[in-house]
Amino acid sequence: MGSGRTELVSAIFGALADQSHGEVYLAGQPVKIRSPQEAIRHGLALVTEDRKRIGLVLGQSVLQNMTISSLETIANRWGLSMLRKNGM
């Protein structure tokens, strides 16, 4: 307790961008991660310690929870699927 693990990985993942500072390197190259979306674009993922409280939307299905982080790539701003348009 109190070791700062959760805060450290949250900061690396971009969830605390306005409250933290430092450098992140991927494959030896510095990257700027200012949001979880940017972290995901760089191939990072975050599995929280308290997945039931922080990592899941309990009112949604397993499929919806699995795809929530990639909604930007599969739906437009009206929530319409872009899979067919993109040949997926």
PDB file of N, CA and C in Angstrom:
ATOM      1  N   MET A   1       0.833  -1.187   0.000  1.00  0.00           N
ATOM      2  CA  MET A   1       0.000   0.000   0.000  1.00  0.00           C
ATOM      3  C   MET A   1       0.875   1.247   0.000  1.00  0.00           C
ATOM      4  N   GLY A   2       0.444   2.221  -0.763  1.00  0.00           N
ATOM      5  CA  GLY A   2       1.139   3.489  -0.748  1.00  0.00           C
ATOM      6  C   GLY A   2       2.458   3.529  -1.498  1.00  0.00           C
ATOM      7  N   SER A   3       2.733   2.524  -2.317  1.00  0.00           N
ATOM      8  CA  SER A   3       4.008   2.497  -3.036  1.00  0.00           C
ATOM      9  C   SER A   3       3.974   3.313  -4.328  1.00  0.00           C
ATOM     10  N   GLY A   4       2.799   3.705  -4.786  1.00  0.00           N
ATOM     11  CA  GLY A   4       2.687   4.524  -5.981  1.00  0.00           C
ATOM     12  C   GLY A   4       2.643   3.751  -7.289  1.00  0.00           C
ATOM     13  N   ARG A   5       2.495   2.424  -7.234  1.00  0.00           N
ATOM     14  CA  ARG A   5       2.453   1.624  -8.468  1.00  0.00           C
ATOM     15  C   ARG A   5       1.331   2.058  -9.394  1.00  0.00           C
ATOM     16  N   THR A   6       0.136   2.197  -8.840  1.00  0.00           N
ATOM     17  CA  THR A   6      -1.021   2.559  -9.666  1.00  0.00           C
ATOM     18  C   THR A   6      -0.820   3.923 -10.309  1.00  0.00           C
ATOM     19  N   GLU A   7      -0.330   4.884  -9.550  1.00  0.00           N
ATOM     20  CA  GLU A   7      -0.099   6.218 -10.080  1.00  0.00           C
ATOM     21  C   GLU A   7       0.973   6.194 -11.161  1.00  0.00           C
ATOM     22  N   LEU A   8       2.033   5.405 -10.958  1.00  0.00           N
ATOM     23  CA  LEU A   8       3.117   5.329 -11.939  1.00  0.00           C
ATOM     24  C   LEU A   8       2.622   4.776 -13.271  1.00  0.00           C
ATOM     25  N   VAL A   9       1.927   3.643 -13.258  1.00  0.00           N
ATOM     26  CA  VAL A   9       1.473   3.068 -14.527  1.00  0.00           C
ATOM     27  C   VAL A   9       0.381   3.926 -15.161  1.00  0.00           C
ATOM     28  N   SER A  10      -0.438   4.578 -14.349  1.00  0.00           N
ATOM     29  CA  SER A  10      -1.451   5.489 -14.896  1.00  0.00           C
ATOM     30  C   SER A  10      -0.787   6.669 -15.591  1.00  0.00           C
ATOM     31  N   ALA A  11       0.292   7.184 -14.997  1.00  0.00           N
ATOM     32  CA  ALA A  11       1.020   8.300 -15.614  1.00  0.00           C
ATOM     33  C   ALA A  11       1.674   7.863 -16.919  1.00  0.00           C
ATOM     34  N   ILE A  12       2.294   6.694 -16.946  1.00  0.00           N
ATOM     35  CA  ILE A  12       2.920   6.182 -18.169  1.00  0.00           C
ATOM     36  C   ILE A  12       1.866   6.004 -19.265  1.00  0.00           C
ATOM     37  N   PHE A  13       0.684   5.558 -18.881  1.00  0.00           N
ATOM     38  CA  PHE A  13      -0.389   5.303 -19.832  1.00  0.00           C
ATOM     39  C   PHE A  13      -1.085   6.586 -20.296  1.00  0.00           C
ATOM     40  N   GLY A  14      -0.752   7.719 -19.699  1.00  0.00           N
ATOM     41  CA  GLY A  14      -1.334   8.985 -20.119  1.00  0.00           C
ATOM     42  C   GLY A  14      -2.587   9.387 -19.377  1.00  0.00           C
ATOM     43  N   ALA A  15      -2.973   8.602 -18.383  1.00  0.00           N
ATOM     44  CA  ALA A  15      -4.200   8.903 -17.645  1.00  0.00           C
ATOM     45  C   ALA A  15      -4.026  10.062 -16.671  1.00  0.00           C
ATOM     46  N   LEU A  16      -2.787  10.428 -16.353  1.00  0.00           N
ATOM     47  CA  LEU A  16      -2.505  11.536 -15.440  1.00  0.00           C
ATOM     48  C   LEU A  16      -1.605  12.572 -16.104  1.00  0.00           C
ATOM     49  N   ALA A  17      -1.779  12.777 -17.386  1.00  0.00           N
ATOM     50  CA  ALA A  17      -0.857  13.615 -18.166  1.00  0.00           C
ATOM     51  C   ALA A  17      -0.701  15.018 -17.607  1.00  0.00           C
ATOM     52  N   ASP A  18      -1.778  15.603 -17.108  1.00  0.00           N
ATOM     53  CA  ASP A  18      -1.678  16.969 -16.598  1.00  0.00           C
ATOM     54  C   ASP A  18      -1.166  17.026 -15.159  1.00  0.00           C
ATOM     55  N   GLN A  19      -0.956  15.858 -14.528  1.00  0.00           N
ATOM     56  CA  GLN A  19      -0.479  15.806 -13.155  1.00  0.00           C
ATOM     57  C   GLN A  19       0.915  15.185 -13.033  1.00  0.00           C
ATOM     58  N   SER A  20       1.532  14.858 -14.145  1.00  0.00           N
ATOM     59  CA  SER A  20       2.815  14.163 -14.088  1.00  0.00           C
ATOM     60  C   SER A  20       3.759  14.689 -15.159  1.00  0.00           C
ATOM     61  N   HIS A  21       5.029  14.345 -15.014  1.00  0.00           N
ATOM     62  CA  HIS A  21       6.013  14.700 -16.033  1.00  0.00           C
ATOM     63  C   HIS A  21       7.105  13.641 -16.040  1.00  0.00           C
ATOM     64  N   GLY A  22       7.814  13.577 -17.126  1.00  0.00           N
ATOM     65  CA  GLY A  22       8.872  12.587 -17.288  1.00  0.00           C
ATOM     66  C   GLY A  22       8.960  12.182 -18.739  1.00  0.00           C
ATOM     67  N   GLU A  23       9.754  11.160 -18.999  1.00  0.00           N
ATOM     68  CA  GLU A  23       9.947  10.688 -20.369  1.00  0.00           C
ATOM     69  C   GLU A  23       9.593   9.212 -20.470  1.00  0.00           C
ATOM     70  N   VAL A  24       8.997   8.859 -21.587  1.00  0.00           N
ATOM     71  CA  VAL A  24       8.669   7.460 -21.881  1.00  0.00           C
ATOM     72  C   VAL A  24       9.387   7.093 -23.166  1.00  0.00           C
ATOM     73  N   TYR A  25      10.048   5.943 -23.163  1.00  0.00           N
ATOM     74  CA  TYR A  25      10.751   5.442 -24.342  1.00  0.00           C
ATOM     75  C   TYR A  25      10.143   4.112 -24.764  1.00  0.00           C
ATOM     76  N   LEU A  26       9.902   3.969 -26.057  1.00  0.00           N
ATOM     77  CA  LEU A  26       9.450   2.707 -26.639  1.00  0.00           C
ATOM     78  C   LEU A  26      10.445   2.318 -27.712  1.00  0.00           C
ATOM     79  N   ALA A  27      10.981   1.129 -27.606  1.00  0.00           N
ATOM     80  CA  ALA A  27      11.987   0.643 -28.551  1.00  0.00           C
ATOM     81  C   ALA A  27      13.147   1.631 -28.680  1.00  0.00           C
ATOM     82  N   GLY A  28      13.519   2.252 -27.553  1.00  0.00           N
ATOM     83  CA  GLY A  28      14.643   3.171 -27.540  1.00  0.00           C
ATOM     84  C   GLY A  28      14.362   4.564 -28.045  1.00  0.00           C
ATOM     85  N   GLN A  29      13.127   4.827 -28.454  1.00  0.00           N
ATOM     86  CA  GLN A  29      12.751   6.138 -28.996  1.00  0.00           C
ATOM     87  C   GLN A  29      11.823   6.856 -28.010  1.00  0.00           C
ATOM     88  N   PRO A  30      12.061   8.142 -27.760  1.00  0.00           N
ATOM     89  CA  PRO A  30      11.153   8.875 -26.870  1.00  0.00           C
ATOM     90  C   PRO A  30       9.792   9.085 -27.529  1.00  0.00           C
ATOM     91  N   VAL A  31       8.734   8.924 -26.753  1.00  0.00           N
ATOM     92  CA  VAL A  31       7.375   9.155 -27.248  1.00  0.00           C
ATOM     93  C   VAL A  31       6.644  10.065 -26.262  1.00  0.00           C
ATOM     94  N   LYS A  32       5.760  10.868 -26.780  1.00  0.00           N
ATOM     95  CA  LYS A  32       4.905  11.727 -25.957  1.00  0.00           C
ATOM     96  C   LYS A  32       3.553  11.038 -25.832  1.00  0.00           C
ATOM     97  N   ILE A  33       3.152  10.775 -24.613  1.00  0.00           N
ATOM     98  CA  ILE A  33       1.853  10.150 -24.364  1.00  0.00           C
ATOM     99  C   ILE A  33       1.075  11.089 -23.458  1.00  0.00           C
ATOM    100  N   ARG A  34       0.074  11.742 -24.031  1.00  0.00           N
ATOM    101  CA  ARG A  34      -0.714  12.723 -23.290  1.00  0.00           C
ATOM    102  C   ARG A  34      -2.111  12.225 -22.944  1.00  0.00           C
ATOM    103  N   SER A  35      -2.455  11.027 -23.431  1.00  0.00           N
ATOM    104  CA  SER A  35      -3.789  10.482 -23.157  1.00  0.00           C
ATOM    105  C   SER A  35      -3.741   8.962 -23.331  1.00  0.00           C
ATOM    106  N   PRO A  36      -4.714   8.259 -22.750  1.00  0.00           N
ATOM    107  CA  PRO A  36      -4.779   6.814 -22.973  1.00  0.00           C
ATOM    108  C   PRO A  36      -4.916   6.455 -24.458  1.00  0.00           C
ATOM    109  N   GLN A  37      -5.606   7.290 -25.241  1.00  0.00           N
ATOM    110  CA  GLN A  37      -5.750   7.013 -26.673  1.00  0.00           C
ATOM    111  C   GLN A  37      -4.384   7.029 -27.363  1.00  0.00           C
ATOM    112  N   GLU A  38      -3.535   7.971 -26.991  1.00  0.00           N
ATOM    113  CA  GLU A  38      -2.184   8.005 -27.568  1.00  0.00           C
ATOM    114  C   GLU A  38      -1.388   6.778 -27.135  1.00  0.00           C
ATOM    115  N   ALA A  39      -1.540   6.357 -25.893  1.00  0.00           N
ATOM    116  CA  ALA A  39      -0.838   5.165 -25.417  1.00  0.00           C
ATOM    117  C   ALA A  39      -1.268   3.937 -26.216  1.00  0.00           C
ATOM    118  N   ILE A  40      -2.552   3.814 -26.467  1.00  0.00           N
ATOM    119  CA  ILE A  40      -3.073   2.683 -27.243  1.00  0.00           C
ATOM    120  C   ILE A  40      -2.522   2.722 -28.661  1.00  0.00           C
ATOM    121  N   ARG A  41      -2.467   3.907 -29.271  1.00  0.00           N
ATOM    122  CA  ARG A  41      -1.900   4.029 -30.624  1.00  0.00           C
ATOM    123  C   ARG A  41      -0.441   3.589 -30.667  1.00  0.00           C
ATOM    124  N   HIS A  42       0.263   3.739 -29.547  1.00  0.00           N
ATOM    125  CA  HIS A  42       1.659   3.293 -29.466  1.00  0.00           C
ATOM    126  C   HIS A  42       1.765   1.815 -29.093  1.00  0.00           C
ATOM    127  N   GLY A  43       0.636   1.138 -28.951  1.00  0.00           N
ATOM    128  CA  GLY A  43       0.646  -0.289 -28.648  1.00  0.00           C
ATOM    129  C   GLY A  43       0.665  -0.630 -27.172  1.00  0.00           C
ATOM    130  N   LEU A  44       0.411   0.345 -26.304  1.00  0.00           N
ATOM    131  CA  LEU A  44       0.385   0.099 -24.866  1.00  0.00           C
ATOM    132  C   LEU A  44      -1.023  -0.245 -24.414  1.00  0.00           C
ATOM    133  N   ALA A  45      -1.110  -0.987 -23.327  1.00  0.00           N
ATOM    134  CA  ALA A  45      -2.389  -1.309 -22.707  1.00  0.00           C
ATOM    135  C   ALA A  45      -2.210  -1.208 -21.199  1.00  0.00           C
ATOM    136  N   LEU A  46      -3.278  -0.959 -20.499  1.00  0.00           N
ATOM    137  CA  LEU A  46      -3.236  -0.876 -19.048  1.00  0.00           C
ATOM    138  C   LEU A  46      -4.270  -1.824 -18.472  1.00  0.00           C
ATOM    139  N   VAL A  47      -3.805  -2.744 -17.648  1.00  0.00           N
ATOM    140  CA  VAL A  47      -4.691  -3.639 -16.912  1.00  0.00           C
ATOM    141  C   VAL A  47      -4.636  -3.177 -15.466  1.00  0.00           C
ATOM    142  N   THR A  48      -5.720  -2.595 -14.990  1.00  0.00           N
ATOM    143  CA  THR A  48      -5.734  -2.014 -13.658  1.00  0.00           C
ATOM    144  C   THR A  48      -5.722  -3.088 -12.575  1.00  0.00           C
ATOM    145  N   GLU A  49      -5.235  -2.708 -11.403  1.00  0.00           N
ATOM    146  CA  GLU A  49      -5.263  -3.636 -10.269  1.00  0.00           C
ATOM    147  C   GLU A  49      -6.690  -3.932  -9.856  1.00  0.00           C
ATOM    148  N   ASP A  50      -7.529  -2.914  -9.824  1.00  0.00           N
ATOM    149  CA  ASP A  50      -8.921  -3.071  -9.420  1.00  0.00           C
ATOM    150  C   ASP A  50      -9.790  -3.033 -10.676  1.00  0.00           C
ATOM    151  N   ARG A  51      -9.765  -4.142 -11.429  1.00  0.00           N
ATOM    152  CA  ARG A  51     -10.465  -4.176 -12.708  1.00  0.00           C
ATOM    153  C   ARG A  51     -11.974  -4.027 -12.548  1.00  0.00           C
ATOM    154  N   LYS A  52     -12.530  -4.533 -11.461  1.00  0.00           N
ATOM    155  CA  LYS A  52     -13.983  -4.435 -11.279  1.00  0.00           C
ATOM    156  C   LYS A  52     -14.414  -2.983 -11.070  1.00  0.00           C
ATOM    157  N   ARG A  53     -13.645  -2.214 -10.329  1.00  0.00           N
ATOM    158  CA  ARG A  53     -14.017  -0.832 -10.035  1.00  0.00           C
ATOM    159  C   ARG A  53     -13.570   0.143 -11.119  1.00  0.00           C
ATOM    160  N   ILE A  54     -12.373  -0.067 -11.693  1.00  0.00           N
ATOM    161  CA  ILE A  54     -11.785   0.901 -12.619  1.00  0.00           C
ATOM    162  C   ILE A  54     -11.749   0.400 -14.062  1.00  0.00           C
ATOM    163  N   GLY A  55     -11.564  -0.891 -14.271  1.00  0.00           N
ATOM    164  CA  GLY A  55     -11.290  -1.403 -15.602  1.00  0.00           C
ATOM    165  C   GLY A  55     -12.476  -1.876 -16.409  1.00  0.00           C
ATOM    166  N   LEU A  56     -13.659  -1.913 -15.816  1.00  0.00           N
ATOM    167  CA  LEU A  56     -14.824  -2.434 -16.533  1.00  0.00           C
ATOM    168  C   LEU A  56     -16.004  -1.478 -16.454  1.00  0.00           C
ATOM    169  N   VAL A  57     -16.857  -1.561 -17.465  1.00  0.00           N
ATOM    170  CA  VAL A  57     -18.153  -0.892 -17.411  1.00  0.00           C
ATOM    171  C   VAL A  57     -19.140  -2.013 -17.105  1.00  0.00           C
ATOM    172  N   LEU A  58     -19.479  -2.162 -15.824  1.00  0.00           N
ATOM    173  CA  LEU A  58     -20.219  -3.339 -15.374  1.00  0.00           C
ATOM    174  C   LEU A  58     -21.597  -3.480 -15.994  1.00  0.00           C
ATOM    175  N   GLY A  59     -22.209  -2.403 -16.424  1.00  0.00           N
ATOM    176  CA  GLY A  59     -23.525  -2.484 -17.048  1.00  0.00           C
ATOM    177  C   GLY A  59     -23.486  -2.911 -18.506  1.00  0.00           C
ATOM    178  N   GLN A  60     -22.295  -3.118 -19.060  1.00  0.00           N
ATOM    179  CA  GLN A  60     -22.142  -3.474 -20.469  1.00  0.00           C
ATOM    180  C   GLN A  60     -21.709  -4.938 -20.614  1.00  0.00           C
ATOM    181  N   SER A  61     -21.849  -5.468 -21.803  1.00  0.00           N
ATOM    182  CA  SER A  61     -21.470  -6.851 -22.081  1.00  0.00           C
ATOM    183  C   SER A  61     -19.948  -6.994 -22.166  1.00  0.00           C
ATOM    184  N   VAL A  62     -19.486  -8.233 -22.180  1.00  0.00           N
ATOM    185  CA  VAL A  62     -18.057  -8.507 -22.329  1.00  0.00           C
ATOM    186  C   VAL A  62     -17.560  -7.929 -23.656  1.00  0.00           C
ATOM    187  N   LEU A  63     -18.314  -8.134 -24.734  1.00  0.00           N
ATOM    188  CA  LEU A  63     -17.925  -7.604 -26.045  1.00  0.00           C
ATOM    189  C   LEU A  63     -17.791  -6.086 -26.012  1.00  0.00           C
ATOM    190  N   GLN A  64     -18.754  -5.416 -25.411  1.00  0.00           N
ATOM    191  CA  GLN A  64     -18.686  -3.953 -25.335  1.00  0.00           C
ATOM    192  C   GLN A  64     -17.486  -3.498 -24.518  1.00  0.00           C
ATOM    193  N   ASN A  65     -17.168  -4.189 -23.428  1.00  0.00           N
ATOM    194  CA  ASN A  65     -16.003  -3.850 -22.631  1.00  0.00           C
ATOM    195  C   ASN A  65     -14.712  -4.100 -23.406  1.00  0.00           C
ATOM    196  N   MET A  66     -14.695  -5.132 -24.238  1.00  0.00           N
ATOM    197  CA  MET A  66     -13.493  -5.443 -25.016  1.00  0.00           C
ATOM    198  C   MET A  66     -13.238  -4.412 -26.106  1.00  0.00           C
ATOM    199  N   THR A  67     -14.285  -3.823 -26.641  1.00  0.00           N
ATOM    200  CA  THR A  67     -14.122  -2.916 -27.775  1.00  0.00           C
ATOM    201  C   THR A  67     -14.169  -1.442 -27.403  1.00  0.00           C
ATOM    202  N   ILE A  68     -14.415  -1.126 -26.142  1.00  0.00           N
ATOM    203  CA  ILE A  68     -14.581   0.274 -25.759  1.00  0.00           C
ATOM    204  C   ILE A  68     -13.349   1.119 -26.050  1.00  0.00           C
ATOM    205  N   SER A  69     -12.170   0.536 -25.939  1.00  0.00           N
ATOM    206  CA  SER A  69     -10.957   1.321 -26.179  1.00  0.00           C
ATOM    207  C   SER A  69     -10.695   1.565 -27.663  1.00  0.00           C
ATOM    208  N   SER A  70     -11.381   0.833 -28.529  1.00  0.00           N
ATOM    209  CA  SER A  70     -11.152   1.017 -29.966  1.00  0.00           C
ATOM    210  C   SER A  70     -12.376   1.568 -30.690  1.00  0.00           C
ATOM    211  N   LEU A  71     -13.306   2.138 -29.961  1.00  0.00           N
ATOM    212  CA  LEU A  71     -14.510   2.685 -30.598  1.00  0.00           C
ATOM    213  C   LEU A  71     -14.183   3.716 -31.658  1.00  0.00           C
ATOM    214  N   GLU A  72     -13.120   4.461 -31.443  1.00  0.00           N
ATOM    215  CA  GLU A  72     -12.717   5.496 -32.389  1.00  0.00           C
ATOM    216  C   GLU A  72     -12.446   4.916 -33.786  1.00  0.00           C
ATOM    217  N   THR A  73     -11.961   3.686 -33.838  1.00  0.00           N
ATOM    218  CA  THR A  73     -11.633   3.094 -35.131  1.00  0.00           C
ATOM    219  C   THR A  73     -12.787   2.321 -35.749  1.00  0.00           C
ATOM    220  N   ILE A  74     -13.817   1.978 -34.950  1.00  0.00           N
ATOM    221  CA  ILE A  74     -14.907   1.175 -35.503  1.00  0.00           C
ATOM    222  C   ILE A  74     -16.232   1.912 -35.606  1.00  0.00           C
ATOM    223  N   ALA A  75     -16.306   3.142 -35.098  1.00  0.00           N
ATOM    224  CA  ALA A  75     -17.567   3.878 -35.182  1.00  0.00           C
ATOM    225  C   ALA A  75     -17.290   5.355 -35.424  1.00  0.00           C
ATOM    226  N   ASN A  76     -18.220   5.985 -36.104  1.00  0.00           N
ATOM    227  CA  ASN A  76     -18.085   7.430 -36.312  1.00  0.00           C
ATOM    228  C   ASN A  76     -18.729   8.173 -35.140  1.00  0.00           C
ATOM    229  N   ARG A  77     -18.808   9.483 -35.214  1.00  0.00           N
ATOM    230  CA  ARG A  77     -19.298  10.244 -34.070  1.00  0.00           C
ATOM    231  C   ARG A  77     -20.771  10.029 -33.767  1.00  0.00           C
ATOM    232  N   TRP A  78     -21.512   9.437 -34.663  1.00  0.00           N
ATOM    233  CA  TRP A  78     -22.913   9.107 -34.412  1.00  0.00           C
ATOM    234  C   TRP A  78     -23.079   7.674 -33.921  1.00  0.00           C
ATOM    235  N   GLY A  79     -21.961   6.959 -33.729  1.00  0.00           N
ATOM    236  CA  GLY A  79     -22.012   5.595 -33.241  1.00  0.00           C
ATOM    237  C   GLY A  79     -22.254   4.560 -34.318  1.00  0.00           C
ATOM    238  N   LEU A  80     -22.187   4.970 -35.579  1.00  0.00           N
ATOM    239  CA  LEU A  80     -22.429   4.042 -36.676  1.00  0.00           C
ATOM    240  C   LEU A  80     -21.158   3.273 -37.005  1.00  0.00           C
ATOM    241  N   SER A  81     -21.315   2.009 -37.265  1.00  0.00           N
ATOM    242  CA  SER A  81     -20.171   1.149 -37.545  1.00  0.00           C
ATOM    243  C   SER A  81     -19.469   1.550 -38.832  1.00  0.00           C
ATOM    244  N   MET A  82     -18.137   1.625 -38.750  1.00  0.00           N
ATOM    245  CA  MET A  82     -17.326   1.942 -39.921  1.00  0.00           C
ATOM    246  C   MET A  82     -16.665   0.683 -40.480  1.00  0.00           C
ATOM    247  N   LEU A  83     -16.981  -0.485 -39.909  1.00  0.00           N
ATOM    248  CA  LEU A  83     -16.322  -1.719 -40.326  1.00  0.00           C
ATOM    249  C   LEU A  83     -16.551  -2.028 -41.800  1.00  0.00           C
ATOM    250  N   ARG A  84     -17.769  -1.905 -42.283  1.00  0.00           N
ATOM    251  CA  ARG A  84     -18.047  -2.202 -43.684  1.00  0.00           C
ATOM    252  C   ARG A  84     -17.340  -1.240 -44.612  1.00  0.00           C
ATOM    253  N   LYS A  85     -17.376   0.029 -44.254  1.00  0.00           N
ATOM    254  CA  LYS A  85     -16.728   1.056 -45.080  1.00  0.00           C
ATOM    255  C   LYS A  85     -15.239   0.793 -45.205  1.00  0.00           C
ATOM    256  N   ASN A  86     -14.622   0.326 -44.129  1.00  0.00           N
ATOM    257  CA  ASN A  86     -13.195   0.066 -44.111  1.00  0.00           C
ATOM    258  C   ASN A  86     -12.829  -1.350 -44.543  1.00  0.00           C
ATOM    259  N   GLY A  87     -13.804  -2.122 -45.002  1.00  0.00           N
ATOM    260  CA  GLY A  87     -13.535  -3.480 -45.491  1.00  0.00           C
ATOM    261  C   GLY A  87     -13.247  -4.484 -44.405  1.00  0.00           C
ATOM    262  N   MET A  88     -13.738  -4.253 -43.209  1.00  0.00           N
ATOM    263  CA  MET A  88     -13.509  -5.192 -42.097  1.00  0.00           C
ATOM    264  C   MET A  88     -14.697  -6.082 -41.892  1.00  0.00           C
TER     265      MET A  88
END
